[in-house]
Amino acid sequence: MPKRKHIGARAKLRAYFLANIGRVMRTDELREAAGGITEWARRIRELRGEEGYHILTHNDREDLKPGEYLLEDAKPQPSFERAISKETRAFVLDRNGFTCQMCGAVAGEVHPYDSNRKTRLHIGHIVDKSLGGTDDATNLRALCSVCNEGAANLTLDRPTALKPLTQVRRAKSEDQLKLLEWLLLKHPKQAHKFLD
């Protein structure tokens, strides 16, 4: 019996977009076209960033609604090169404490917004390459797969102390103590300032 060749989600999405040039497509049909995988949006970003397909979203055209995609032309544009070294990736992950810089999820732990999977971190651009961002470590941050799927062309400011303090004040005492324990472990050199 001949062996069937496995077709990846990115190849399926590429074929689907090329078969539907000029037609607006919604997230549900694209997820299905990708074989139902959870990271279908990441494969679309790869088609845009690595292969150069000009797939438009509501960030590109105001007549498109969130969750709508459009490929106008089959000809790819010059694509961006993946130029982030292993050393830079390791530096950024370490600098960011192996924590998603958007939602605070920690690598390897159950994701706070998706209890069906453990947190997996990626390296994301603060200013997207399509908007002129670079691969320099100062323009990179750790993002979990959940936040990274929705982060394309989105630049968010880091939260100030006011937002987390507001949340901590509302938390139960045992949760506040867990936070204090975590902070003391994270910043052992500064702990003496508060314990003396």
C-alpha atoms as a PDB file:
ATOM      1  CA  MET A   1       0.000   0.000   0.000  1.00  0.00           C
ATOM      2  CA  PRO A   2       1.533   3.387  -0.993  1.00  0.00           C
ATOM      3  CA  LYS A   3       2.391   5.774   1.837  1.00  0.00           C
ATOM      4  CA  ARG A   4       0.373   8.997   1.968  1.00  0.00           C
ATOM      5  CA  LYS A   5       2.285  12.234   2.229  1.00  0.00           C
ATOM      6  CA  HIS A   6       1.272  14.388   5.210  1.00  0.00           C
ATOM      7  CA  ILE A   7       0.347  17.948   4.213  1.00  0.00           C
ATOM      8  CA  GLY A   8       1.060  20.551   6.890  1.00  0.00           C
ATOM      9  CA  ALA A   9      -1.380  23.223   8.027  1.00  0.00           C
ATOM     10  CA  ARG A  10       0.612  26.014   6.390  1.00  0.00           C
ATOM     11  CA  ALA A  11       0.530  24.262   3.010  1.00  0.00           C
ATOM     12  CA  LYS A  12      -3.223  23.662   3.387  1.00  0.00           C
ATOM     13  CA  LEU A  13      -3.820  27.331   4.208  1.00  0.00           C
ATOM     14  CA  ARG A  14      -1.610  28.484   1.317  1.00  0.00           C
ATOM     15  CA  ALA A  15      -3.605  26.322  -1.107  1.00  0.00           C
ATOM     16  CA  TYR A  16      -6.904  27.552   0.356  1.00  0.00           C
ATOM     17  CA  PHE A  17      -5.937  31.222   0.071  1.00  0.00           C
ATOM     18  CA  LEU A  18      -4.695  30.731  -3.501  1.00  0.00           C
ATOM     19  CA  ALA A  19      -7.956  28.997  -4.434  1.00  0.00           C
ATOM     20  CA  ASN A  20      -9.947  31.918  -2.965  1.00  0.00           C
ATOM     21  CA  ILE A  21      -8.057  35.018  -4.154  1.00  0.00           C
ATOM     22  CA  GLY A  22     -10.161  38.164  -3.772  1.00  0.00           C
ATOM     23  CA  ARG A  23     -12.745  36.535  -1.489  1.00  0.00           C
ATOM     24  CA  VAL A  24     -13.067  37.548   2.178  1.00  0.00           C
ATOM     25  CA  MET A  25     -12.641  34.508   4.431  1.00  0.00           C
ATOM     26  CA  ARG A  26     -13.584  34.140   8.116  1.00  0.00           C
ATOM     27  CA  THR A  27     -11.644  32.547  10.944  1.00  0.00           C
ATOM     28  CA  ASP A  28     -13.885  29.476  11.224  1.00  0.00           C
ATOM     29  CA  GLU A  29     -13.384  28.430   7.603  1.00  0.00           C
ATOM     30  CA  LEU A  30      -9.621  29.080   7.783  1.00  0.00           C
ATOM     31  CA  ARG A  31      -9.320  27.016  10.973  1.00  0.00           C
ATOM     32  CA  GLU A  32     -11.144  24.206   9.192  1.00  0.00           C
ATOM     33  CA  ALA A  33      -8.972  24.593   6.075  1.00  0.00           C
ATOM     34  CA  ALA A  34      -5.881  24.253   8.302  1.00  0.00           C
ATOM     35  CA  GLY A  35      -7.151  20.935   9.622  1.00  0.00           C
ATOM     36  CA  GLY A  36      -8.611  22.324  12.844  1.00  0.00           C
ATOM     37  CA  ILE A  37      -5.266  23.012  14.541  1.00  0.00           C
ATOM     38  CA  THR A  38      -5.169  25.576  17.363  1.00  0.00           C
ATOM     39  CA  GLU A  39      -2.232  27.531  15.911  1.00  0.00           C
ATOM     40  CA  TRP A  40      -3.796  28.208  12.506  1.00  0.00           C
ATOM     41  CA  ALA A  41      -3.373  32.000  12.986  1.00  0.00           C
ATOM     42  CA  ARG A  42       0.365  31.491  13.485  1.00  0.00           C
ATOM     43  CA  ARG A  43       0.546  29.609  10.172  1.00  0.00           C
ATOM     44  CA  ILE A  44      -1.167  32.590   8.494  1.00  0.00           C
ATOM     45  CA  ARG A  45       1.412  34.952   9.999  1.00  0.00           C
ATOM     46  CA  GLU A  46       4.129  32.665   8.618  1.00  0.00           C
ATOM     47  CA  LEU A  47       2.535  32.888   5.166  1.00  0.00           C
ATOM     48  CA  ARG A  48       2.652  36.670   5.498  1.00  0.00           C
ATOM     49  CA  GLY A  49       6.039  37.122   7.163  1.00  0.00           C
ATOM     50  CA  GLU A  50       8.113  34.253   5.812  1.00  0.00           C
ATOM     51  CA  GLU A  51       6.555  33.567   2.423  1.00  0.00           C
ATOM     52  CA  GLY A  52       5.509  37.131   1.638  1.00  0.00           C
ATOM     53  CA  TYR A  53       1.811  36.573   0.839  1.00  0.00           C
ATOM     54  CA  HIS A  54      -0.049  39.864   1.254  1.00  0.00           C
ATOM     55  CA  ILE A  55      -2.917  38.518   3.374  1.00  0.00           C
ATOM     56  CA  LEU A  56      -4.979  41.473   4.577  1.00  0.00           C
ATOM     57  CA  THR A  57      -6.852  41.833   7.878  1.00  0.00           C
ATOM     58  CA  HIS A  58      -8.808  44.615   9.595  1.00  0.00           C
ATOM     59  CA  ASN A  59      -5.412  46.076  10.576  1.00  0.00           C
ATOM     60  CA  ASP A  60      -4.691  46.617   6.869  1.00  0.00           C
ATOM     61  CA  ARG A  61      -8.111  47.645   5.491  1.00  0.00           C
ATOM     62  CA  GLU A  62     -10.937  49.364   7.320  1.00  0.00           C
ATOM     63  CA  ASP A  63     -13.642  47.546   5.340  1.00  0.00           C
ATOM     64  CA  LEU A  64     -12.472  44.210   6.802  1.00  0.00           C
ATOM     65  CA  LYS A  65     -13.883  43.219  10.190  1.00  0.00           C
ATOM     66  CA  PRO A  66     -11.860  41.472  12.931  1.00  0.00           C
ATOM     67  CA  GLY A  67     -11.626  37.800  12.012  1.00  0.00           C
ATOM     68  CA  GLU A  68     -11.745  38.427   8.243  1.00  0.00           C
ATOM     69  CA  TYR A  69      -8.840  37.719   5.898  1.00  0.00           C
ATOM     70  CA  LEU A  70      -8.281  38.523   2.236  1.00  0.00           C
ATOM     71  CA  LEU A  71      -5.575  37.555  -0.244  1.00  0.00           C
ATOM     72  CA  GLU A  72      -5.723  40.014  -3.150  1.00  0.00           C
ATOM     73  CA  ASP A  73      -2.856  38.675  -5.275  1.00  0.00           C
ATOM     74  CA  ALA A  74      -1.173  35.300  -5.736  1.00  0.00           C
ATOM     75  CA  LYS A  75       2.281  36.846  -6.156  1.00  0.00           C
ATOM     76  CA  PRO A  76       4.272  36.911  -2.891  1.00  0.00           C
ATOM     77  CA  GLN A  77       6.034  40.113  -1.841  1.00  0.00           C
ATOM     78  CA  PRO A  78       9.652  39.992  -0.669  1.00  0.00           C
ATOM     79  CA  SER A  79       9.509  38.159   2.656  1.00  0.00           C
ATOM     80  CA  PHE A  80      11.317  38.809   5.901  1.00  0.00           C
ATOM     81  CA  GLU A  81      14.198  36.614   6.896  1.00  0.00           C
ATOM     82  CA  ARG A  82      14.113  34.843  10.242  1.00  0.00           C
ATOM     83  CA  ALA A  83      17.207  36.360  11.774  1.00  0.00           C
ATOM     84  CA  ILE A  84      16.759  35.899  15.529  1.00  0.00           C
ATOM     85  CA  SER A  85      19.665  33.827  16.832  1.00  0.00           C
ATOM     86  CA  LYS A  86      19.376  31.154  19.529  1.00  0.00           C
ATOM     87  CA  GLU A  87      21.481  33.359  21.779  1.00  0.00           C
ATOM     88  CA  THR A  88      19.123  36.336  21.358  1.00  0.00           C
ATOM     89  CA  ARG A  89      16.091  34.111  21.982  1.00  0.00           C
ATOM     90  CA  ALA A  90      17.686  32.758  25.167  1.00  0.00           C
ATOM     91  CA  PHE A  91      18.608  36.277  26.316  1.00  0.00           C
ATOM     92  CA  VAL A  92      15.063  37.624  25.758  1.00  0.00           C
ATOM     93  CA  LEU A  93      13.417  34.670  27.522  1.00  0.00           C
ATOM     94  CA  ASP A  94      15.786  35.022  30.481  1.00  0.00           C
ATOM     95  CA  ARG A  95      15.402  38.819  30.611  1.00  0.00           C
ATOM     96  CA  ASN A  96      11.600  38.416  30.623  1.00  0.00           C
ATOM     97  CA  GLY A  97      11.744  35.785  33.376  1.00  0.00           C
ATOM     98  CA  PHE A  98      10.284  33.072  31.105  1.00  0.00           C
ATOM     99  CA  THR A  99       6.978  34.931  31.465  1.00  0.00           C
ATOM    100  CA  CYS A 100       4.562  36.191  28.801  1.00  0.00           C
ATOM    101  CA  GLN A 101       4.887  39.965  28.688  1.00  0.00           C
ATOM    102  CA  MET A 102       1.201  40.429  27.805  1.00  0.00           C
ATOM    103  CA  CYS A 103      -0.716  38.155  30.196  1.00  0.00           C
ATOM    104  CA  GLY A 104       1.933  37.061  32.725  1.00  0.00           C
ATOM    105  CA  ALA A 105       1.659  33.320  32.026  1.00  0.00           C
ATOM    106  CA  VAL A 106       4.788  31.360  33.007  1.00  0.00           C
ATOM    107  CA  ALA A 107       6.439  28.814  30.685  1.00  0.00           C
ATOM    108  CA  GLY A 108       5.456  25.225  31.509  1.00  0.00           C
ATOM    109  CA  GLU A 109       2.586  26.106  33.832  1.00  0.00           C
ATOM    110  CA  VAL A 110      -1.088  25.637  32.932  1.00  0.00           C
ATOM    111  CA  HIS A 111      -2.140  28.697  30.946  1.00  0.00           C
ATOM    112  CA  PRO A 112      -4.384  31.048  32.995  1.00  0.00           C
ATOM    113  CA  TYR A 113      -6.761  31.665  30.066  1.00  0.00           C
ATOM    114  CA  ASP A 114      -6.645  28.208  28.477  1.00  0.00           C
ATOM    115  CA  SER A 115      -6.579  25.423  31.066  1.00  0.00           C
ATOM    116  CA  ASN A 116      -6.396  22.799  28.301  1.00  0.00           C
ATOM    117  CA  ARG A 117      -2.736  23.509  27.582  1.00  0.00           C
ATOM    118  CA  LYS A 118       0.519  24.402  29.261  1.00  0.00           C
ATOM    119  CA  THR A 119       2.085  27.770  28.541  1.00  0.00           C
ATOM    120  CA  ARG A 120       4.504  27.729  25.619  1.00  0.00           C
ATOM    121  CA  LEU A 121       6.558  30.857  25.007  1.00  0.00           C
ATOM    122  CA  HIS A 122       7.551  32.412  21.688  1.00  0.00           C
ATOM    123  CA  ILE A 123       9.619  35.454  20.846  1.00  0.00           C
ATOM    124  CA  GLY A 124       7.504  38.318  19.514  1.00  0.00           C
ATOM    125  CA  HIS A 125       8.290  41.756  18.176  1.00  0.00           C
ATOM    126  CA  ILE A 126       7.198  44.824  20.147  1.00  0.00           C
ATOM    127  CA  VAL A 127       7.003  46.836  16.916  1.00  0.00           C
ATOM    128  CA  ASP A 128       6.131  44.345  14.163  1.00  0.00           C
ATOM    129  CA  LYS A 129       8.585  43.897  11.281  1.00  0.00           C
ATOM    130  CA  SER A 130       5.848  44.914   8.859  1.00  0.00           C
ATOM    131  CA  LEU A 131       5.780  48.278  10.670  1.00  0.00           C
ATOM    132  CA  GLY A 132       9.555  48.731  10.585  1.00  0.00           C
ATOM    133  CA  GLY A 133      10.526  46.841  13.754  1.00  0.00           C
ATOM    134  CA  THR A 134      13.896  45.098  14.015  1.00  0.00           C
ATOM    135  CA  ASP A 135      15.152  41.755  15.332  1.00  0.00           C
ATOM    136  CA  ASP A 136      17.232  43.547  17.969  1.00  0.00           C
ATOM    137  CA  ALA A 137      16.697  42.274  21.537  1.00  0.00           C
ATOM    138  CA  THR A 138      15.339  45.691  22.575  1.00  0.00           C
ATOM    139  CA  ASN A 139      12.414  45.129  20.158  1.00  0.00           C
ATOM    140  CA  LEU A 140      11.715  41.560  21.270  1.00  0.00           C
ATOM    141  CA  ARG A 141       9.642  40.124  24.107  1.00  0.00           C
ATOM    142  CA  ALA A 142       8.464  36.752  25.377  1.00  0.00           C
ATOM    143  CA  LEU A 143       4.852  35.966  24.443  1.00  0.00           C
ATOM    144  CA  CYS A 144       2.786  32.876  25.179  1.00  0.00           C
ATOM    145  CA  SER A 145       1.176  31.113  22.225  1.00  0.00           C
ATOM    146  CA  VAL A 146      -2.293  32.396  23.237  1.00  0.00           C
ATOM    147  CA  CYS A 147      -1.222  36.062  23.230  1.00  0.00           C
ATOM    148  CA  ASN A 148       1.100  35.617  20.246  1.00  0.00           C
ATOM    149  CA  GLU A 149      -1.794  34.354  18.095  1.00  0.00           C
ATOM    150  CA  GLY A 150      -3.548  37.692  18.557  1.00  0.00           C
ATOM    151  CA  ALA A 151      -0.527  39.992  18.772  1.00  0.00           C
ATOM    152  CA  ALA A 152       0.364  40.605  15.129  1.00  0.00           C
ATOM    153  CA  ASN A 153       0.871  44.301  14.421  1.00  0.00           C
ATOM    154  CA  LEU A 154      -0.197  45.154  17.965  1.00  0.00           C
ATOM    155  CA  THR A 155       2.021  47.163  20.285  1.00  0.00           C
ATOM    156  CA  LEU A 156       0.967  47.296  23.913  1.00  0.00           C
ATOM    157  CA  ASP A 157       2.493  49.291  26.735  1.00  0.00           C
ATOM    158  CA  ARG A 158       3.666  47.369  29.782  1.00  0.00           C
ATOM    159  CA  PRO A 159       1.293  47.824  32.722  1.00  0.00           C
ATOM    160  CA  THR A 160       2.186  50.377  35.393  1.00  0.00           C
ATOM    161  CA  ALA A 161       2.156  49.452  39.090  1.00  0.00           C
ATOM    162  CA  LEU A 162      -1.360  50.859  39.472  1.00  0.00           C
ATOM    163  CA  LYS A 163      -3.136  48.072  37.556  1.00  0.00           C
ATOM    164  CA  PRO A 164      -1.579  45.065  39.355  1.00  0.00           C
ATOM    165  CA  LEU A 165      -1.826  46.842  42.743  1.00  0.00           C
ATOM    166  CA  THR A 166      -5.549  47.336  42.164  1.00  0.00           C
ATOM    167  CA  GLN A 167      -5.936  43.628  41.432  1.00  0.00           C
ATOM    168  CA  VAL A 168      -3.822  42.602  44.454  1.00  0.00           C
ATOM    169  CA  ARG A 169      -5.863  44.781  46.813  1.00  0.00           C
ATOM    170  CA  ARG A 170      -9.022  42.976  45.669  1.00  0.00           C
ATOM    171  CA  ALA A 171      -7.481  39.503  46.066  1.00  0.00           C
ATOM    172  CA  LYS A 172      -7.991  37.206  49.063  1.00  0.00           C
ATOM    173  CA  SER A 173      -5.321  37.306  51.799  1.00  0.00           C
ATOM    174  CA  GLU A 174      -3.944  33.858  50.880  1.00  0.00           C
ATOM    175  CA  ASP A 175      -3.508  34.993  47.251  1.00  0.00           C
ATOM    176  CA  GLN A 176      -1.783  38.183  48.412  1.00  0.00           C
ATOM    177  CA  LEU A 177       0.604  36.058  50.518  1.00  0.00           C
ATOM    178  CA  LYS A 178       1.344  33.794  47.516  1.00  0.00           C
ATOM    179  CA  LEU A 179       2.199  36.900  45.512  1.00  0.00           C
ATOM    180  CA  LEU A 180       4.439  38.212  48.306  1.00  0.00           C
ATOM    181  CA  GLU A 181       6.248  34.865  48.459  1.00  0.00           C
ATOM    182  CA  TRP A 182       6.762  34.918  44.683  1.00  0.00           C
ATOM    183  CA  LEU A 183       8.070  38.510  44.762  1.00  0.00           C
ATOM    184  CA  LEU A 184      10.523  37.703  47.580  1.00  0.00           C
ATOM    185  CA  LEU A 185      11.831  34.721  45.591  1.00  0.00           C
ATOM    186  CA  LYS A 186      12.088  36.784  42.415  1.00  0.00           C
ATOM    187  CA  HIS A 187      13.866  39.723  44.106  1.00  0.00           C
ATOM    188  CA  PRO A 188      15.891  38.210  46.986  1.00  0.00           C
ATOM    189  CA  LYS A 189      18.483  41.033  47.014  1.00  0.00           C
ATOM    190  CA  GLN A 190      15.805  43.683  47.573  1.00  0.00           C
ATOM    191  CA  ALA A 191      13.831  41.673  50.152  1.00  0.00           C
ATOM    192  CA  HIS A 192      15.849  43.005  53.088  1.00  0.00           C
ATOM    193  CA  LYS A 193      14.542  46.542  52.404  1.00  0.00           C
ATOM    194  CA  PHE A 194      11.038  45.401  53.290  1.00  0.00           C
ATOM    195  CA  LEU A 195      11.821  42.842  55.989  1.00  0.00           C
ATOM    196  CA  ASP A 196      14.128  44.934  58.224  1.00  0.00           C
END
